[in-house]
All heavy atoms as atom14 arrays in JSON, in Angstrom:
{
  "sequence": "LKKLDFIVLTIRRRAEALYQELRRRKLDFLIHKIFVLEPGNK",
  "atom14_mask": [
    [1, 1, 1, 1, 1, 1, 1, 1, 0, 0, 0, 0, 0, 0],
    [1, 1, 1, 1, 1, 1, 1, 1, 1, 0, 0, 0, 0, 0],
    [1, 1, 1, 1, 1, 1, 1, 1, 1, 0, 0, 0, 0, 0],
    [1, 1, 1, 1, 1, 1, 1, 1, 0, 0, 0, 0, 0, 0],
    [1, 1, 1, 1, 1, 1, 1, 1, 0, 0, 0, 0, 0, 0],
    [1, 1, 1, 1, 1, 1, 1, 1, 1, 1, 1, 0, 0, 0],
    [1, 1, 1, 1, 1, 1, 1, 1, 0, 0, 0, 0, 0, 0],
    [1, 1, 1, 1, 1, 1, 1, 0, 0, 0, 0, 0, 0, 0],
    [1, 1, 1, 1, 1, 1, 1, 1, 0, 0, 0, 0, 0, 0],
    [1, 1, 1, 1, 1, 1, 1, 0, 0, 0, 0, 0, 0, 0],
    [1, 1, 1, 1, 1, 1, 1, 1, 0, 0, 0, 0, 0, 0],
    [1, 1, 1, 1, 1, 1, 1, 1, 1, 1, 1, 0, 0, 0],
    [1, 1, 1, 1, 1, 1, 1, 1, 1, 1, 1, 0, 0, 0],
    [1, 1, 1, 1, 1, 1, 1, 1, 1, 1, 1, 0, 0, 0],
    [1, 1, 1, 1, 1, 0, 0, 0, 0, 0, 0, 0, 0, 0],
    [1, 1, 1, 1, 1, 1, 1, 1, 1, 0, 0, 0, 0, 0],
    [1, 1, 1, 1, 1, 0, 0, 0, 0, 0, 0, 0, 0, 0],
    [1, 1, 1, 1, 1, 1, 1, 1, 0, 0, 0, 0, 0, 0],
    [1, 1, 1, 1, 1, 1, 1, 1, 1, 1, 1, 1, 0, 0],
    [1, 1, 1, 1, 1, 1, 1, 1, 1, 0, 0, 0, 0, 0],
    [1, 1, 1, 1, 1, 1, 1, 1, 1, 0, 0, 0, 0, 0],
    [1, 1, 1, 1, 1, 1, 1, 1, 0, 0, 0, 0, 0, 0],
    [1, 1, 1, 1, 1, 1, 1, 1, 1, 1, 1, 0, 0, 0],
    [1, 1, 1, 1, 1, 1, 1, 1, 1, 1, 1, 0, 0, 0],
    [1, 1, 1, 1, 1, 1, 1, 1, 1, 1, 1, 0, 0, 0],
    [1, 1, 1, 1, 1, 1, 1, 1, 1, 0, 0, 0, 0, 0],
    [1, 1, 1, 1, 1, 1, 1, 1, 0, 0, 0, 0, 0, 0],
    [1, 1, 1, 1, 1, 1, 1, 1, 0, 0, 0, 0, 0, 0],
    [1, 1, 1, 1, 1, 1, 1, 1, 1, 1, 1, 0, 0, 0],
    [1, 1, 1, 1, 1, 1, 1, 1, 0, 0, 0, 0, 0, 0],
    [1, 1, 1, 1, 1, 1, 1, 1, 0, 0, 0, 0, 0, 0],
    [1, 1, 1, 1, 1, 1, 1, 1, 1, 1, 0, 0, 0, 0],
    [1, 1, 1, 1, 1, 1, 1, 1, 1, 0, 0, 0, 0, 0],
    [1, 1, 1, 1, 1, 1, 1, 1, 0, 0, 0, 0, 0, 0],
    [1, 1, 1, 1, 1, 1, 1, 1, 1, 1, 1, 0, 0, 0],
    [1, 1, 1, 1, 1, 1, 1, 0, 0, 0, 0, 0, 0, 0],
    [1, 1, 1, 1, 1, 1, 1, 1, 0, 0, 0, 0, 0, 0],
    [1, 1, 1, 1, 1, 1, 1, 1, 1, 0, 0, 0, 0, 0],
    [1, 1, 1, 1, 1, 1, 1, 0, 0, 0, 0, 0, 0, 0],
    [1, 1, 1, 1, 0, 0, 0, 0, 0, 0, 0, 0, 0, 0],
    [1, 1, 1, 1, 1, 1, 1, 1, 0, 0, 0, 0, 0, 0],
    [1, 1, 1, 1, 1, 1, 1, 1, 1, 0, 0, 0, 0, 0]
  ],
  "atom14_positions": [
    [[10.59, 0.98, -11.04], [9.79, 0.05, -10.35], [8.54, -0.45, -11.19], [8.17, -1.61, -11.18], [9.18, 0.73, -9.05], [8.4, -0.16, -8.11], [9.34, -1.17, -7.42], [7.67, 0.61, -7.07], [0.0, 0.0, 0.0], [0.0, 0.0, 0.0], [0.0, 0.0, 0.0], [0.0, 0.0, 0.0], [0.0, 0.0, 0.0], [0.0, 0.0, 0.0]],
    [[8.01, 0.55, -12.0], [6.75, 0.17, -12.8], [7.12, -0.82, -13.83], [6.17, -1.43, -14.35], [6.16, 1.46, -13.35], [5.48, 2.35, -12.44], [5.03, 3.62, -13.09], [4.35, 4.55, -12.17], [3.94, 5.83, -12.85], [0.0, 0.0, 0.0], [0.0, 0.0, 0.0], [0.0, 0.0, 0.0], [0.0, 0.0, 0.0], [0.0, 0.0, 0.0]],
    [[8.3, -1.0, -14.17], [8.76, -2.04, -15.21], [8.59, -3.45, -14.62], [8.74, -4.4, -15.45], [10.1, -1.69, -15.68], [10.21, -0.34, -16.48], [11.67, -0.05, -16.9], [11.72, 1.22, -17.68], [13.11, 1.54, -18.05], [0.0, 0.0, 0.0], [0.0, 0.0, 0.0], [0.0, 0.0, 0.0], [0.0, 0.0, 0.0], [0.0, 0.0, 0.0]],
    [[8.58, -3.58, -13.35], [8.46, -4.98, -12.74], [7.11, -5.45, -12.48], [6.1, -4.66, -12.36], [9.18, -4.91, -11.36], [10.62, -4.38, -11.3], [11.14, -4.46, -9.89], [11.52, -5.21, -12.19], [0.0, 0.0, 0.0], [0.0, 0.0, 0.0], [0.0, 0.0, 0.0], [0.0, 0.0, 0.0], [0.0, 0.0, 0.0], [0.0, 0.0, 0.0]],
    [[7.05, -6.79, -12.34], [5.8, -7.4, -11.84], [6.0, -7.5, -10.38], [6.81, -8.27, -9.88], [5.57, -8.77, -12.55], [5.33, -8.66, -13.98], [4.59, -7.72, -14.44], [5.78, -9.56, -14.7], [0.0, 0.0, 0.0], [0.0, 0.0, 0.0], [0.0, 0.0, 0.0], [0.0, 0.0, 0.0], [0.0, 0.0, 0.0], [0.0, 0.0, 0.0]],
    [[5.27, -6.73, -9.58], [5.53, -6.68, -8.17], [4.34, -6.4, -7.33], [3.24, -6.08, -7.84], [6.53, -5.52, -7.79], [5.86, -4.1, -7.98], [5.42, -3.54, -6.84], [5.86, -3.51, -9.17], [4.77, -2.23, -6.89], [5.27, -2.22, -9.28], [4.72, -1.6, -8.2], [0.0, 0.0, 0.0], [0.0, 0.0, 0.0], [0.0, 0.0, 0.0]],
    [[4.38, -6.66, -6.02], [3.39, -6.32, -5.05], [4.08, -5.54, -3.93], [5.3, -5.69, -3.76], [2.54, -7.5, -4.5], [3.44, -8.44, -3.82], [1.8, -8.16, -5.7], [2.58, -9.48, -2.95], [0.0, 0.0, 0.0], [0.0, 0.0, 0.0], [0.0, 0.0, 0.0], [0.0, 0.0, 0.0], [0.0, 0.0, 0.0], [0.0, 0.0, 0.0]],
    [[3.29, -5.01, -3.09], [3.84, -4.41, -1.9], [3.08, -5.03, -0.62], [1.88, -5.01, -0.68], [3.59, -2.84, -1.83], [4.05, -2.16, -0.55], [4.32, -2.19, -2.99], [0.0, 0.0, 0.0], [0.0, 0.0, 0.0], [0.0, 0.0, 0.0], [0.0, 0.0, 0.0], [0.0, 0.0, 0.0], [0.0, 0.0, 0.0], [0.0, 0.0, 0.0]],
    [[3.81, -5.43, 0.36], [3.32, -5.86, 1.62], [3.64, -4.79, 2.64], [4.82, -4.55, 2.82], [3.78, -7.26, 2.03], [3.28, -8.39, 1.32], [3.87, -9.69, 1.94], [1.78, -8.5, 1.27], [0.0, 0.0, 0.0], [0.0, 0.0, 0.0], [0.0, 0.0, 0.0], [0.0, 0.0, 0.0], [0.0, 0.0, 0.0], [0.0, 0.0, 0.0]],
    [[2.73, -4.32, 3.42], [2.96, -3.27, 4.45], [2.18, -3.54, 5.7], [1.13, -4.23, 5.64], [2.74, -1.87, 3.88], [3.22, -0.86, 4.93], [1.18, -1.59, 3.64], [0.0, 0.0, 0.0], [0.0, 0.0, 0.0], [0.0, 0.0, 0.0], [0.0, 0.0, 0.0], [0.0, 0.0, 0.0], [0.0, 0.0, 0.0], [0.0, 0.0, 0.0]],
    [[2.68, -3.12, 6.79], [2.06, -3.27, 8.14], [1.46, -1.94, 8.53], [2.2, -1.04, 8.65], [3.08, -3.72, 9.21], [3.86, -4.95, 8.8], [2.29, -3.89, 10.54], [3.05, -6.18, 8.67], [0.0, 0.0, 0.0], [0.0, 0.0, 0.0], [0.0, 0.0, 0.0], [0.0, 0.0, 0.0], [0.0, 0.0, 0.0], [0.0, 0.0, 0.0]],
    [[0.17, -1.91, 8.53], [-0.53, -0.61, 8.89], [-1.8, -0.93, 9.79], [-2.39, -2.0, 9.68], [-1.01, 0.17, 7.64], [0.16, 0.75, 6.82], [0.69, 1.89, 7.46], [1.83, 2.53, 6.67], [1.79, 3.67, 5.97], [0.68, 4.38, 6.12], [2.71, 4.07, 5.28], [0.0, 0.0, 0.0], [0.0, 0.0, 0.0], [0.0, 0.0, 0.0]],
    [[-2.13, 0.05, 10.65], [-3.35, -0.04, 11.4], [-4.58, 0.46, 10.61], [-5.64, 0.03, 10.9], [-3.22, 0.67, 12.74], [-2.35, -0.07, 13.68], [-2.16, 0.77, 14.98], [-1.56, -0.14, 16.05], [-0.27, -0.4, 16.18], [0.58, 0.11, 15.19], [0.24, -1.24, 17.02], [0.0, 0.0, 0.0], [0.0, 0.0, 0.0], [0.0, 0.0, 0.0]],
    [[-4.36, 1.45, 9.77], [-5.45, 2.16, 9.09], [-5.23, 2.17, 7.62], [-4.59, 2.98, 7.05], [-5.51, 3.53, 9.65], [-5.72, 3.68, 11.14], [-5.63, 5.07, 11.63], [-6.33, 6.09, 10.9], [-6.1, 7.42, 11.11], [-5.16, 7.76, 11.98], [-6.87, 8.3, 10.4], [0.0, 0.0, 0.0], [0.0, 0.0, 0.0], [0.0, 0.0, 0.0]],
    [[-5.77, 1.16, 6.97], [-5.57, 0.95, 5.49], [-6.09, 2.09, 4.77], [-5.44, 2.64, 3.76], [-6.23, -0.33, 5.03], [0.0, 0.0, 0.0], [0.0, 0.0, 0.0], [0.0, 0.0, 0.0], [0.0, 0.0, 0.0], [0.0, 0.0, 0.0], [0.0, 0.0, 0.0], [0.0, 0.0, 0.0], [0.0, 0.0, 0.0], [0.0, 0.0, 0.0]],
    [[-7.3, 2.63, 5.15], [-7.87, 3.77, 4.43], [-7.04, 5.03, 4.42], [-6.9, 5.8, 3.45], [-9.34, 4.0, 4.84], [-10.16, 4.99, 4.02], [-10.11, 4.65, 2.54], [-10.32, 3.42, 2.18], [-9.97, 5.6, 1.66], [0.0, 0.0, 0.0], [0.0, 0.0, 0.0], [0.0, 0.0, 0.0], [0.0, 0.0, 0.0], [0.0, 0.0, 0.0]],
    [[-6.41, 5.25, 5.52], [-5.53, 6.44, 5.69], [-4.33, 6.24, 4.73], [-3.93, 7.25, 4.08], [-5.04, 6.59, 7.12], [0.0, 0.0, 0.0], [0.0, 0.0, 0.0], [0.0, 0.0, 0.0], [0.0, 0.0, 0.0], [0.0, 0.0, 0.0], [0.0, 0.0, 0.0], [0.0, 0.0, 0.0], [0.0, 0.0, 0.0], [0.0, 0.0, 0.0]],
    [[-3.88, 5.0, 4.57], [-2.8, 4.79, 3.62], [-3.32, 5.05, 2.13], [-2.59, 5.69, 1.4], [-2.31, 3.35, 3.73], [-1.36, 2.89, 2.63], [-0.06, 3.69, 2.48], [-1.06, 1.4, 2.87], [0.0, 0.0, 0.0], [0.0, 0.0, 0.0], [0.0, 0.0, 0.0], [0.0, 0.0, 0.0], [0.0, 0.0, 0.0], [0.0, 0.0, 0.0]],
    [[-4.39, 4.54, 1.86], [-4.95, 4.75, 0.36], [-5.18, 6.2, 0.14], [-4.81, 6.66, -0.96], [-6.31, 3.95, 0.34], [-6.17, 2.52, 0.51], [-7.22, 1.8, 1.02], [-5.04, 1.77, 0.13], [-7.08, 0.39, 1.23], [-4.91, 0.41, 0.35], [-5.96, -0.27, 0.95], [-5.96, -1.57, 1.11], [0.0, 0.0, 0.0], [0.0, 0.0, 0.0]],
    [[-5.7, 6.94, 1.17], [-5.8, 8.36, 0.93], [-4.49, 9.07, 0.67], [-4.43, 10.04, -0.12], [-6.56, 9.05, 2.2], [-7.99, 8.57, 2.25], [-8.63, 9.18, 3.54], [-8.03, 9.88, 4.25], [-9.9, 8.78, 3.7], [0.0, 0.0, 0.0], [0.0, 0.0, 0.0], [0.0, 0.0, 0.0], [0.0, 0.0, 0.0], [0.0, 0.0, 0.0]],
    [[-3.51, 8.66, 1.4], [-2.14, 9.32, 1.27], [-1.54, 8.9, -0.06], [-1.0, 9.82, -0.77], [-1.25, 8.83, 2.42], [0.23, 9.35, 2.39], [0.33, 10.86, 2.41], [-0.73, 11.59, 2.69], [1.36, 11.43, 2.02], [0.0, 0.0, 0.0], [0.0, 0.0, 0.0], [0.0, 0.0, 0.0], [0.0, 0.0, 0.0], [0.0, 0.0, 0.0]],
    [[-1.82, 7.74, -0.6], [-1.27, 7.37, -1.85], [-1.94, 8.22, -2.98], [-1.38, 8.58, -3.94], [-1.49, 5.8, -2.19], [-0.73, 4.91, -1.24], [-1.06, 3.44, -1.48], [0.78, 5.12, -1.53], [0.0, 0.0, 0.0], [0.0, 0.0, 0.0], [0.0, 0.0, 0.0], [0.0, 0.0, 0.0], [0.0, 0.0, 0.0], [0.0, 0.0, 0.0]],
    [[-3.24, 8.41, -2.83], [-3.94, 9.27, -3.79], [-3.43, 10.64, -3.71], [-3.25, 11.31, -4.81], [-5.44, 9.16, -3.49], [-6.09, 7.89, -3.72], [-7.68, 7.89, -3.55], [-8.29, 6.6, -3.62], [-8.7, 5.94, -2.5], [-8.52, 6.45, -1.27], [-9.09, 4.74, -2.59], [0.0, 0.0, 0.0], [0.0, 0.0, 0.0], [0.0, 0.0, 0.0]],
    [[-3.15, 11.2, -2.5], [-2.67, 12.58, -2.38], [-1.39, 12.7, -3.1], [-1.02, 13.73, -3.81], [-2.54, 12.94, -0.95], [-2.04, 14.4, -0.72], [-1.71, 14.63, 0.76], [-0.4, 14.06, 0.98], [0.77, 14.61, 0.62], [0.86, 15.76, 0.03], [1.84, 14.01, 0.97], [0.0, 0.0, 0.0], [0.0, 0.0, 0.0], [0.0, 0.0, 0.0]],
    [[-0.53, 11.63, -3.1], [0.73, 11.67, -3.73], [0.7, 11.21, -5.21], [1.65, 11.15, -5.95], [1.73, 10.67, -3.01], [2.05, 11.05, -1.69], [2.99, 9.99, -0.97], [3.32, 10.41, 0.41], [4.42, 11.0, 0.76], [5.36, 11.26, -0.23], [4.71, 11.33, 2.01], [0.0, 0.0, 0.0], [0.0, 0.0, 0.0], [0.0, 0.0, 0.0]],
    [[-0.5, 11.03, -5.69], [-0.69, 10.63, -7.07], [-0.04, 9.34, -7.36], [0.51, 9.12, -8.46], [-0.29, 11.71, -8.05], [-1.06, 13.14, -7.85], [-0.69, 14.1, -8.99], [-1.27, 15.45, -8.67], [-2.7, 15.34, -8.26], [0.0, 0.0, 0.0], [0.0, 0.0, 0.0], [0.0, 0.0, 0.0], [0.0, 0.0, 0.0], [0.0, 0.0, 0.0]],
    [[-0.07, 8.37, -6.41], [0.38, 7.0, -6.56], [-0.73, 5.99, -6.5], [-0.58, 4.91, -6.02], [1.41, 6.75, -5.4], [2.66, 7.54, -5.23], [3.42, 7.37, -4.0], [3.48, 7.43, -6.53], [0.0, 0.0, 0.0], [0.0, 0.0, 0.0], [0.0, 0.0, 0.0], [0.0, 0.0, 0.0], [0.0, 0.0, 0.0], [0.0, 0.0, 0.0]],
    [[-1.77, 6.4, -7.22], [-2.98, 5.59, -7.3], [-2.6, 4.15, -7.77], [-3.23, 3.18, -7.42], [-4.08, 6.2, -8.16], [-4.49, 7.6, -7.68], [-3.55, 8.45, -7.74], [-5.56, 7.78, -7.25], [0.0, 0.0, 0.0], [0.0, 0.0, 0.0], [0.0, 0.0, 0.0], [0.0, 0.0, 0.0], [0.0, 0.0, 0.0], [0.0, 0.0, 0.0]],
    [[-1.65, 4.01, -8.7], [-1.34, 2.7, -9.34], [-0.93, 1.76, -8.23], [-1.0, 0.53, -8.51], [-0.19, 2.85, -10.34], [1.07, 3.14, -9.77], [2.0, 2.03, -9.64], [1.62, 4.34, -9.38], [3.23, 2.2, -9.14], [2.88, 4.5, -8.9], [3.71, 3.52, -8.83], [0.0, 0.0, 0.0], [0.0, 0.0, 0.0], [0.0, 0.0, 0.0]],
    [[-0.43, 2.15, -7.14], [-0.03, 1.3, -6.07], [-1.21, 0.66, -5.33], [-0.99, -0.54, -4.72], [0.91, 2.06, -5.03], [2.31, 2.21, -5.38], [3.03, 2.93, -4.13], [3.01, 0.83, -5.56], [0.0, 0.0, 0.0], [0.0, 0.0, 0.0], [0.0, 0.0, 0.0], [0.0, 0.0, 0.0], [0.0, 0.0, 0.0], [0.0, 0.0, 0.0]],
    [[-2.34, 1.24, -5.29], [-3.45, 0.81, -4.46], [-3.86, -0.69, -4.78], [-4.03, -1.44, -3.91], [-4.62, 1.73, -4.53], [-4.24, 3.12, -3.93], [-5.83, 1.18, -3.9], [-5.3, 4.2, -4.05], [0.0, 0.0, 0.0], [0.0, 0.0, 0.0], [0.0, 0.0, 0.0], [0.0, 0.0, 0.0], [0.0, 0.0, 0.0], [0.0, 0.0, 0.0]],
    [[-3.86, -1.0, -5.98], [-4.26, -2.35, -6.43], [-3.14, -3.35, -6.2], [-3.29, -4.56, -6.59], [-4.84, -2.36, -7.85], [-3.83, -2.22, -8.94], [-3.3, -1.06, -9.33], [-3.28, -3.11, -9.71], [-2.42, -1.24, -10.31], [-2.42, -2.47, -10.56], [0.0, 0.0, 0.0], [0.0, 0.0, 0.0], [0.0, 0.0, 0.0], [0.0, 0.0, 0.0]],
    [[-1.94, -2.81, -5.94], [-0.67, -3.75, -5.78], [-0.3, -3.85, -4.36], [0.56, -4.63, -4.03], [0.44, -3.15, -6.6], [0.33, -3.21, -8.16], [1.55, -2.62, -8.77], [1.59, -2.99, -10.27], [1.74, -4.42, -10.54], [0.0, 0.0, 0.0], [0.0, 0.0, 0.0], [0.0, 0.0, 0.0], [0.0, 0.0, 0.0], [0.0, 0.0, 0.0]],
    [[-0.96, -3.19, -3.51], [-0.67, -3.23, -2.04], [-1.52, -4.05, -1.15], [-2.75, -3.94, -1.37], [-0.56, -1.76, -1.52], [0.4, -1.66, -0.35], [-1.87, -1.13, -1.25], [0.81, -0.24, 0.04], [0.0, 0.0, 0.0], [0.0, 0.0, 0.0], [0.0, 0.0, 0.0], [0.0, 0.0, 0.0], [0.0, 0.0, 0.0], [0.0, 0.0, 0.0]],
    [[-0.96, -4.76, -0.28], [-1.66, -5.6, 0.6], [-1.35, -5.15, 2.04], [-0.19, -5.08, 2.42], [-1.33, -7.01, 0.37], [-1.73, -7.62, -0.94], [-0.87, -7.42, -2.02], [-3.1, -8.19, -1.1], [-1.29, -7.99, -3.22], [-3.36, -8.66, -2.36], [-2.57, -8.51, -3.44], [0.0, 0.0, 0.0], [0.0, 0.0, 0.0], [0.0, 0.0, 0.0]],
    [[-2.32, -4.82, 2.83], [-2.1, -4.21, 4.2], [-2.36, -5.31, 5.23], [-3.36, -5.94, 5.28], [-3.03, -3.04, 4.46], [-2.81, -2.48, 5.79], [-2.93, -1.98, 3.3], [0.0, 0.0, 0.0], [0.0, 0.0, 0.0], [0.0, 0.0, 0.0], [0.0, 0.0, 0.0], [0.0, 0.0, 0.0], [0.0, 0.0, 0.0], [0.0, 0.0, 0.0]],
    [[-1.32, -5.55, 6.02], [-1.36, -6.55, 7.04], [-1.42, -5.9, 8.39], [-0.84, -4.79, 8.59], [-0.19, -7.5, 7.0], [0.15, -8.15, 5.64], [1.44, -8.96, 5.72], [-1.02, -8.91, 5.19], [0.0, 0.0, 0.0], [0.0, 0.0, 0.0], [0.0, 0.0, 0.0], [0.0, 0.0, 0.0], [0.0, 0.0, 0.0], [0.0, 0.0, 0.0]],
    [[-2.13, -6.43, 9.37], [-2.21, -5.93, 10.71], [-0.97, -6.04, 11.59], [-0.25, -7.13, 11.47], [-3.42, -6.46, 11.43], [-4.79, -6.14, 10.79], [-5.94, -6.67, 11.69], [-5.68, -7.27, 12.74], [-7.06, -6.42, 11.25], [0.0, 0.0, 0.0], [0.0, 0.0, 0.0], [0.0, 0.0, 0.0], [0.0, 0.0, 0.0], [0.0, 0.0, 0.0]],
    [[-0.6, -5.12, 12.4], [0.52, -5.13, 13.18], [0.41, -6.19, 14.29], [-0.65, -6.68, 14.53], [0.67, -3.66, 13.75], [-0.67, -3.17, 13.76], [-1.39, -3.75, 12.54], [0.0, 0.0, 0.0], [0.0, 0.0, 0.0], [0.0, 0.0, 0.0], [0.0, 0.0, 0.0], [0.0, 0.0, 0.0], [0.0, 0.0, 0.0], [0.0, 0.0, 0.0]],
    [[1.51, -6.53, 14.91], [1.57, -7.35, 16.12], [2.09, -8.7, 15.96], [2.17, -9.47, 16.93], [0.0, 0.0, 0.0], [0.0, 0.0, 0.0], [0.0, 0.0, 0.0], [0.0, 0.0, 0.0], [0.0, 0.0, 0.0], [0.0, 0.0, 0.0], [0.0, 0.0, 0.0], [0.0, 0.0, 0.0], [0.0, 0.0, 0.0], [0.0, 0.0, 0.0]],
    [[2.43, -9.06, 14.73], [2.97, -10.34, 14.48], [4.14, -10.2, 13.51], [3.9, -9.97, 12.32], [1.81, -11.35, 13.78], [2.28, -12.68, 13.56], [3.47, -13.01, 13.89], [1.48, -13.45, 12.9], [0.0, 0.0, 0.0], [0.0, 0.0, 0.0], [0.0, 0.0, 0.0], [0.0, 0.0, 0.0], [0.0, 0.0, 0.0], [0.0, 0.0, 0.0]],
    [[5.31, -10.53, 13.94], [6.47, -10.35, 13.13], [6.59, -11.38, 12.08], [7.41, -11.29, 11.12], [7.77, -10.42, 13.98], [8.04, -11.75, 14.71], [9.24, -11.6, 15.57], [9.61, -12.93, 16.26], [10.87, -12.87, 17.02], [0.0, 0.0, 0.0], [0.0, 0.0, 0.0], [0.0, 0.0, 0.0], [0.0, 0.0, 0.0], [0.0, 0.0, 0.0]]
  ]
}
């Protein structure tokens, strides 16, 4: 995956909880590539 130029779009209510989980998993590199959208709109 790291060989690609990519972004991640995800639906979450609590962005900070997601960032904390990514850090816990040592996936910090994803944080600047991820965009968190609010739920409720398909």
